[in-house]
Amino acid sequence: MLIIENFQKTYDSGFHMEIDFLCFDKGIHLIKGKNGSGKSTLLKAIAGIHSFQGDIVLENISQKKQPIPYRKLVNYSEAEPQFPDFLSLDELILFTSTVTPFNPNQVTELKEILGIGEYASQPIASYSSGMLKKTGLMLAFLGNPQLIILDEPFTTIDLDTQKSLQKLILHRLEECSFLITSHLADFEELFDYSSTTSMENGHLIDPHE
């Protein structure tokens, strides 16, 4: 279970996000909203990347009180991933293994599912935007996190990979939960039993109102 309490985040531009209380049970949760509504800000805060006021608790572990154990529970793939150009995917995986334990068979499986294996030894500088996205997605699925956060995971990847990603998410659902954003018009239809939370200008909108 993921709990957000007394959350506040303010930027110098004047943008302000505030969430008194929000609870996500285990499952797939879709977060919708226009550009600039605060979706990525919220996800990065939950991932432990952005500072904020308040607290976020995952499986009874507080991000503020237990930041290192908390971060070990969360994997994150950003909308537009960036990595050092001189590294390859294999080198990124090796680095990830120093902080996130995983089975080597998992690497082989994910490479095949996402169609990235033949590029794994090439430098990131040679990757297309789609390959960069696949790299970020692969790293997000490594290990055994309790929560996987995917910001716009279906953009820049081809249709076959989108279908493979959908199946991968459903396959991992028994092991962990997902927070996902997307601008796809039929996004909810991909996961017809998930919950949806809408955002507008830093505020949550009750989808039932």
C-alpha atoms as a PDB file:
ATOM      1  CA  MET A   1       0.000   0.000   0.000  1.00  0.00           C
ATOM      2  CA  LEU A   2       1.211   3.496  -0.910  1.00  0.00           C
ATOM      3  CA  ILE A   3       0.114   6.431   1.262  1.00  0.00           C
ATOM      4  CA  ILE A   4       0.709  10.135   0.545  1.00  0.00           C
ATOM      5  CA  GLU A   5       0.128  12.458   3.493  1.00  0.00           C
ATOM      6  CA  ASN A   6       0.219  16.257   3.834  1.00  0.00           C
ATOM      7  CA  PHE A   7       2.092  16.506   0.524  1.00  0.00           C
ATOM      8  CA  GLN A   8       3.169  19.933  -0.744  1.00  0.00           C
ATOM      9  CA  LYS A   9       5.507  20.920  -3.559  1.00  0.00           C
ATOM     10  CA  THR A  10       6.068  24.501  -4.729  1.00  0.00           C
ATOM     11  CA  TYR A  11       8.211  25.868  -7.556  1.00  0.00           C
ATOM     12  CA  ASP A  12       9.587  29.393  -7.976  1.00  0.00           C
ATOM     13  CA  SER A  13       7.298  29.760 -10.996  1.00  0.00           C
ATOM     14  CA  GLY A  14       4.355  29.730  -8.601  1.00  0.00           C
ATOM     15  CA  PHE A  15       3.178  26.194  -9.395  1.00  0.00           C
ATOM     16  CA  HIS A  16       1.914  24.552  -6.234  1.00  0.00           C
ATOM     17  CA  MET A  17       0.842  20.966  -5.646  1.00  0.00           C
ATOM     18  CA  GLU A  18      -0.975  19.886  -2.520  1.00  0.00           C
ATOM     19  CA  ILE A  19      -2.384  16.494  -1.506  1.00  0.00           C
ATOM     20  CA  ASP A  20      -3.859  16.105   1.975  1.00  0.00           C
ATOM     21  CA  PHE A  21      -4.205  12.339   1.808  1.00  0.00           C
ATOM     22  CA  LEU A  22      -4.105   9.761  -0.972  1.00  0.00           C
ATOM     23  CA  CYS A  23      -3.937   5.976  -0.668  1.00  0.00           C
ATOM     24  CA  PHE A  24      -3.160   3.479  -3.423  1.00  0.00           C
ATOM     25  CA  ASP A  25      -3.924  -0.181  -2.823  1.00  0.00           C
ATOM     26  CA  LYS A  26      -1.933  -2.860  -4.648  1.00  0.00           C
ATOM     27  CA  GLY A  27      -2.630  -2.885  -8.386  1.00  0.00           C
ATOM     28  CA  ILE A  28      -2.310  -0.704 -11.489  1.00  0.00           C
ATOM     29  CA  HIS A  29      -3.063   2.980 -11.022  1.00  0.00           C
ATOM     30  CA  LEU A  30      -3.359   5.328 -13.980  1.00  0.00           C
ATOM     31  CA  ILE A  31      -2.699   9.037 -13.464  1.00  0.00           C
ATOM     32  CA  LYS A  32      -4.194  11.327 -16.103  1.00  0.00           C
ATOM     33  CA  GLY A  33      -3.851  15.046 -16.673  1.00  0.00           C
ATOM     34  CA  LYS A  34      -2.884  17.739 -19.151  1.00  0.00           C
ATOM     35  CA  ASN A  35       0.726  18.788 -19.708  1.00  0.00           C
ATOM     36  CA  GLY A  36       1.886  20.830 -16.730  1.00  0.00           C
ATOM     37  CA  SER A  37      -0.770  19.460 -14.371  1.00  0.00           C
ATOM     38  CA  GLY A  38       1.857  17.978 -12.051  1.00  0.00           C
ATOM     39  CA  LYS A  39       1.914  14.292 -13.004  1.00  0.00           C
ATOM     40  CA  SER A  40       5.691  13.992 -13.435  1.00  0.00           C
ATOM     41  CA  THR A  41       6.300  16.120 -10.347  1.00  0.00           C
ATOM     42  CA  LEU A  42       4.234  13.729  -8.251  1.00  0.00           C
ATOM     43  CA  LEU A  43       5.874  10.629  -9.714  1.00  0.00           C
ATOM     44  CA  LYS A  44       9.385  11.967  -9.113  1.00  0.00           C
ATOM     45  CA  ALA A  45       8.479  12.781  -5.529  1.00  0.00           C
ATOM     46  CA  ILE A  46       7.149   9.264  -4.994  1.00  0.00           C
ATOM     47  CA  ALA A  47      10.318   7.871  -6.582  1.00  0.00           C
ATOM     48  CA  GLY A  48      12.447   9.851  -4.117  1.00  0.00           C
ATOM     49  CA  ILE A  49      13.930  12.187  -6.743  1.00  0.00           C
ATOM     50  CA  HIS A  50      12.125  15.447  -5.877  1.00  0.00           C
ATOM     51  CA  SER A  51      12.063  16.984  -2.427  1.00  0.00           C
ATOM     52  CA  PHE A  52       8.687  17.856  -0.895  1.00  0.00           C
ATOM     53  CA  GLN A  53       6.900  18.627   2.343  1.00  0.00           C
ATOM     54  CA  GLY A  54       4.898  15.890   4.012  1.00  0.00           C
ATOM     55  CA  ASP A  55       5.563  12.182   3.746  1.00  0.00           C
ATOM     56  CA  ILE A  56       5.110   9.213   1.436  1.00  0.00           C
ATOM     57  CA  VAL A  57       4.877   5.730   2.932  1.00  0.00           C
ATOM     58  CA  LEU A  58       5.197   2.476   0.984  1.00  0.00           C
ATOM     59  CA  GLU A  59       4.592  -0.850   2.704  1.00  0.00           C
ATOM     60  CA  ASN A  60       4.874   0.917   6.093  1.00  0.00           C
ATOM     61  CA  ILE A  61       8.288   2.391   5.202  1.00  0.00           C
ATOM     62  CA  SER A  62       8.486   6.184   5.345  1.00  0.00           C
ATOM     63  CA  GLN A  63      10.438   8.009   2.653  1.00  0.00           C
ATOM     64  CA  LYS A  64      11.316  10.804   5.087  1.00  0.00           C
ATOM     65  CA  LYS A  65      12.287   8.599   8.035  1.00  0.00           C
ATOM     66  CA  GLN A  66      13.780   5.637   6.122  1.00  0.00           C
ATOM     67  CA  PRO A  67      14.898   7.043   2.744  1.00  0.00           C
ATOM     68  CA  ILE A  68      17.329   4.280   1.757  1.00  0.00           C
ATOM     69  CA  PRO A  69      15.048   1.290   2.542  1.00  0.00           C
ATOM     70  CA  TYR A  70      12.205   3.190   0.869  1.00  0.00           C
ATOM     71  CA  ARG A  71      14.099   3.797  -2.379  1.00  0.00           C
ATOM     72  CA  LYS A  72      14.986   0.114  -2.594  1.00  0.00           C
ATOM     73  CA  LEU A  73      11.271  -0.597  -2.948  1.00  0.00           C
ATOM     74  CA  VAL A  74      10.693   1.739  -5.914  1.00  0.00           C
ATOM     75  CA  ASN A  75      11.831   1.586  -9.551  1.00  0.00           C
ATOM     76  CA  TYR A  76      11.205   4.508 -11.897  1.00  0.00           C
ATOM     77  CA  SER A  77      11.234   5.083 -15.661  1.00  0.00           C
ATOM     78  CA  GLU A  78      10.933   8.731 -16.675  1.00  0.00           C
ATOM     79  CA  ALA A  79       9.139  10.042 -19.755  1.00  0.00           C
ATOM     80  CA  GLU A  80      12.332  11.148 -21.523  1.00  0.00           C
ATOM     81  CA  PRO A  81      15.191   9.092 -20.042  1.00  0.00           C
ATOM     82  CA  GLN A  82      18.749  10.372 -20.233  1.00  0.00           C
ATOM     83  CA  PHE A  83      21.904   8.346 -19.667  1.00  0.00           C
ATOM     84  CA  PRO A  84      25.654   9.005 -20.134  1.00  0.00           C
ATOM     85  CA  ASP A  85      26.340   8.756 -23.877  1.00  0.00           C
ATOM     86  CA  PHE A  86      29.547   6.763 -23.421  1.00  0.00           C
ATOM     87  CA  LEU A  87      27.885   3.902 -21.539  1.00  0.00           C
ATOM     88  CA  SER A  88      26.058   0.944 -23.062  1.00  0.00           C
ATOM     89  CA  LEU A  89      22.923  -0.781 -21.791  1.00  0.00           C
ATOM     90  CA  ASP A  90      25.025  -3.691 -20.525  1.00  0.00           C
ATOM     91  CA  GLU A  91      27.171  -1.267 -18.523  1.00  0.00           C
ATOM     92  CA  LEU A  92      24.073   0.403 -17.097  1.00  0.00           C
ATOM     93  CA  ILE A  93      22.768  -3.009 -16.082  1.00  0.00           C
ATOM     94  CA  LEU A  94      26.097  -3.813 -14.412  1.00  0.00           C
ATOM     95  CA  PHE A  95      25.950  -0.540 -12.483  1.00  0.00           C
ATOM     96  CA  THR A  96      22.345  -1.210 -11.480  1.00  0.00           C
ATOM     97  CA  SER A  97      23.348  -4.619 -10.134  1.00  0.00           C
ATOM     98  CA  THR A  98      25.547  -2.914  -7.508  1.00  0.00           C
ATOM     99  CA  VAL A  99      22.463  -1.434  -5.821  1.00  0.00           C
ATOM    100  CA  THR A 100      19.607  -3.665  -7.040  1.00  0.00           C
ATOM    101  CA  PRO A 101      20.023  -7.445  -6.848  1.00  0.00           C
ATOM    102  CA  PHE A 102      18.399  -9.398  -9.647  1.00  0.00           C
ATOM    103  CA  ASN A 103      18.572 -12.750 -11.398  1.00  0.00           C
ATOM    104  CA  PRO A 104      20.695 -12.719 -14.600  1.00  0.00           C
ATOM    105  CA  ASN A 105      17.898 -14.652 -16.306  1.00  0.00           C
ATOM    106  CA  GLN A 106      15.717 -11.611 -15.756  1.00  0.00           C
ATOM    107  CA  VAL A 107      18.074  -9.536 -17.924  1.00  0.00           C
ATOM    108  CA  THR A 108      17.917 -12.033 -20.766  1.00  0.00           C
ATOM    109  CA  GLU A 109      14.128 -12.197 -20.591  1.00  0.00           C
ATOM    110  CA  LEU A 110      13.647  -8.423 -20.541  1.00  0.00           C
ATOM    111  CA  LYS A 111      16.036  -7.901 -23.448  1.00  0.00           C
ATOM    112  CA  GLU A 112      13.994 -10.331 -25.506  1.00  0.00           C
ATOM    113  CA  ILE A 113      10.607  -8.913 -24.497  1.00  0.00           C
ATOM    114  CA  LEU A 114      11.620  -5.312 -25.243  1.00  0.00           C
ATOM    115  CA  GLY A 115      13.635  -6.180 -28.333  1.00  0.00           C
ATOM    116  CA  ILE A 116      16.791  -4.470 -27.167  1.00  0.00           C
ATOM    117  CA  GLY A 117      19.300  -7.323 -26.879  1.00  0.00           C
ATOM    118  CA  GLU A 118      21.233  -6.697 -30.099  1.00  0.00           C
ATOM    119  CA  TYR A 119      21.930  -3.088 -29.085  1.00  0.00           C
ATOM    120  CA  ALA A 120      22.935  -3.798 -25.484  1.00  0.00           C
ATOM    121  CA  SER A 121      26.689  -3.546 -26.078  1.00  0.00           C
ATOM    122  CA  GLN A 122      26.506  -0.356 -28.174  1.00  0.00           C
ATOM    123  CA  PRO A 123      27.038   3.105 -26.622  1.00  0.00           C
ATOM    124  CA  ILE A 124      23.956   5.064 -25.593  1.00  0.00           C
ATOM    125  CA  ALA A 125      25.023   7.845 -27.997  1.00  0.00           C
ATOM    126  CA  SER A 126      23.963   5.624 -30.905  1.00  0.00           C
ATOM    127  CA  TYR A 127      20.467   4.937 -29.518  1.00  0.00           C
ATOM    128  CA  SER A 128      17.277   6.335 -31.045  1.00  0.00           C
ATOM    129  CA  SER A 129      14.616   7.888 -28.800  1.00  0.00           C
ATOM    130  CA  GLY A 130      12.762   4.570 -28.883  1.00  0.00           C
ATOM    131  CA  MET A 131      15.845   2.632 -27.810  1.00  0.00           C
ATOM    132  CA  LEU A 132      16.454   5.109 -24.989  1.00  0.00           C
ATOM    133  CA  LYS A 133      12.902   4.561 -23.817  1.00  0.00           C
ATOM    134  CA  LYS A 134      13.332   0.781 -23.912  1.00  0.00           C
ATOM    135  CA  THR A 135      16.543   1.163 -21.882  1.00  0.00           C
ATOM    136  CA  GLY A 136      14.729   3.118 -19.174  1.00  0.00           C
ATOM    137  CA  LEU A 137      11.875   0.629 -19.133  1.00  0.00           C
ATOM    138  CA  MET A 138      14.205  -2.345 -18.843  1.00  0.00           C
ATOM    139  CA  LEU A 139      16.047  -0.859 -15.875  1.00  0.00           C
ATOM    140  CA  ALA A 140      12.698  -0.137 -14.190  1.00  0.00           C
ATOM    141  CA  PHE A 141      11.701  -3.802 -14.346  1.00  0.00           C
ATOM    142  CA  LEU A 142      14.941  -5.188 -12.903  1.00  0.00           C
ATOM    143  CA  GLY A 143      14.943  -6.655  -9.412  1.00  0.00           C
ATOM    144  CA  ASN A 144      11.921  -7.130  -7.186  1.00  0.00           C
ATOM    145  CA  PRO A 145      10.483  -3.677  -6.407  1.00  0.00           C
ATOM    146  CA  GLN A 146       7.195  -3.213  -4.600  1.00  0.00           C
ATOM    147  CA  LEU A 147       6.301  -0.283  -6.857  1.00  0.00           C
ATOM    148  CA  ILE A 148       7.215   0.435 -10.490  1.00  0.00           C
ATOM    149  CA  ILE A 149       6.587   3.992 -11.686  1.00  0.00           C
ATOM    150  CA  LEU A 150       6.254   4.480 -15.446  1.00  0.00           C
ATOM    151  CA  ASP A 151       5.934   8.033 -16.792  1.00  0.00           C
ATOM    152  CA  GLU A 152       4.519   7.978 -20.349  1.00  0.00           C
ATOM    153  CA  PRO A 153       5.850   4.444 -20.977  1.00  0.00           C
ATOM    154  CA  PHE A 154       4.009   3.975 -24.280  1.00  0.00           C
ATOM    155  CA  THR A 155       5.418   7.020 -26.086  1.00  0.00           C
ATOM    156  CA  THR A 156       8.264   6.720 -28.660  1.00  0.00           C
ATOM    157  CA  ILE A 157       8.118   2.901 -28.727  1.00  0.00           C
ATOM    158  CA  ASP A 158       6.673   0.901 -31.612  1.00  0.00           C
ATOM    159  CA  LEU A 159       3.314  -0.860 -31.531  1.00  0.00           C
ATOM    160  CA  ASP A 160       4.789  -4.339 -30.986  1.00  0.00           C
ATOM    161  CA  THR A 161       6.785  -3.094 -27.995  1.00  0.00           C
ATOM    162  CA  GLN A 162       3.684  -1.377 -26.614  1.00  0.00           C
ATOM    163  CA  LYS A 163       1.867  -4.722 -26.673  1.00  0.00           C
ATOM    164  CA  SER A 164       4.857  -6.480 -25.080  1.00  0.00           C
ATOM    165  CA  LEU A 165       5.005  -3.822 -22.362  1.00  0.00           C
ATOM    166  CA  GLN A 166       1.306  -4.227 -21.625  1.00  0.00           C
ATOM    167  CA  LYS A 167       1.771  -7.986 -21.170  1.00  0.00           C
ATOM    168  CA  LEU A 168       4.888  -7.424 -19.047  1.00  0.00           C
ATOM    169  CA  ILE A 169       3.003  -5.106 -16.694  1.00  0.00           C
ATOM    170  CA  LEU A 170       0.156  -7.582 -16.301  1.00  0.00           C
ATOM    171  CA  HIS A 171       2.637 -10.413 -15.722  1.00  0.00           C
ATOM    172  CA  ARG A 172       4.409  -8.526 -12.922  1.00  0.00           C
ATOM    173  CA  LEU A 173       1.166  -7.411 -11.280  1.00  0.00           C
ATOM    174  CA  GLU A 174       1.161 -10.283  -8.803  1.00  0.00           C
ATOM    175  CA  GLU A 175       4.564  -9.162  -7.514  1.00  0.00           C
ATOM    176  CA  CYS A 176       4.269  -5.372  -7.380  1.00  0.00           C
ATOM    177  CA  SER A 177       2.091  -2.331  -8.031  1.00  0.00           C
ATOM    178  CA  PHE A 178       2.270   0.238 -10.830  1.00  0.00           C
ATOM    179  CA  LEU A 179       1.781   3.979 -11.136  1.00  0.00           C
ATOM    180  CA  ILE A 180       1.493   4.912 -14.814  1.00  0.00           C
ATOM    181  CA  THR A 181       0.795   8.075 -16.812  1.00  0.00           C
ATOM    182  CA  SER A 182      -0.106   8.232 -20.493  1.00  0.00           C
ATOM    183  CA  HIS A 183      -1.685  10.465 -23.131  1.00  0.00           C
ATOM    184  CA  LEU A 184      -3.049   7.495 -25.100  1.00  0.00           C
ATOM    185  CA  ALA A 185      -6.742   8.018 -25.797  1.00  0.00           C
ATOM    186  CA  ASP A 186      -7.643   4.409 -24.990  1.00  0.00           C
ATOM    187  CA  PHE A 187      -5.219   4.094 -22.087  1.00  0.00           C
ATOM    188  CA  GLU A 188      -7.808   2.758 -19.621  1.00  0.00           C
ATOM    189  CA  GLU A 189      -8.800  -0.008 -22.026  1.00  0.00           C
ATOM    190  CA  LEU A 190      -5.300  -1.498 -21.785  1.00  0.00           C
ATOM    191  CA  PHE A 191      -5.898  -2.212 -18.093  1.00  0.00           C
ATOM    192  CA  ASP A 192      -9.641  -2.434 -17.671  1.00  0.00           C
ATOM    193  CA  TYR A 193      -9.538  -3.206 -13.962  1.00  0.00           C
ATOM    194  CA  SER A 194      -7.144  -0.480 -12.877  1.00  0.00           C
ATOM    195  CA  SER A 195      -7.983   2.679 -10.957  1.00  0.00           C
ATOM    196  CA  THR A 196      -7.657   6.146 -12.487  1.00  0.00           C
ATOM    197  CA  THR A 197      -6.674   9.391 -10.773  1.00  0.00           C
ATOM    198  CA  SER A 198      -6.919  12.687 -12.655  1.00  0.00           C
ATOM    199  CA  MET A 199      -4.860  15.799 -11.984  1.00  0.00           C
ATOM    200  CA  GLU A 200      -5.368  19.443 -12.918  1.00  0.00           C
ATOM    201  CA  ASN A 201      -3.047  22.308 -11.986  1.00  0.00           C
ATOM    202  CA  GLY A 202      -1.508  20.392  -9.107  1.00  0.00           C
ATOM    203  CA  HIS A 203      -4.829  19.218  -7.671  1.00  0.00           C
ATOM    204  CA  LEU A 204      -6.473  15.804  -7.704  1.00  0.00           C
ATOM    205  CA  ILE A 205      -9.831  15.552  -9.460  1.00  0.00           C
ATOM    206  CA  ASP A 206     -12.382  13.016  -8.247  1.00  0.00           C
ATOM    207  CA  PRO A 207     -13.141  10.901 -11.352  1.00  0.00           C
ATOM    208  CA  HIS A 208     -16.634  10.169 -10.024  1.00  0.00           C
ATOM    209  CA  GLU A 209     -17.730  13.802  -9.733  1.00  0.00           C
END
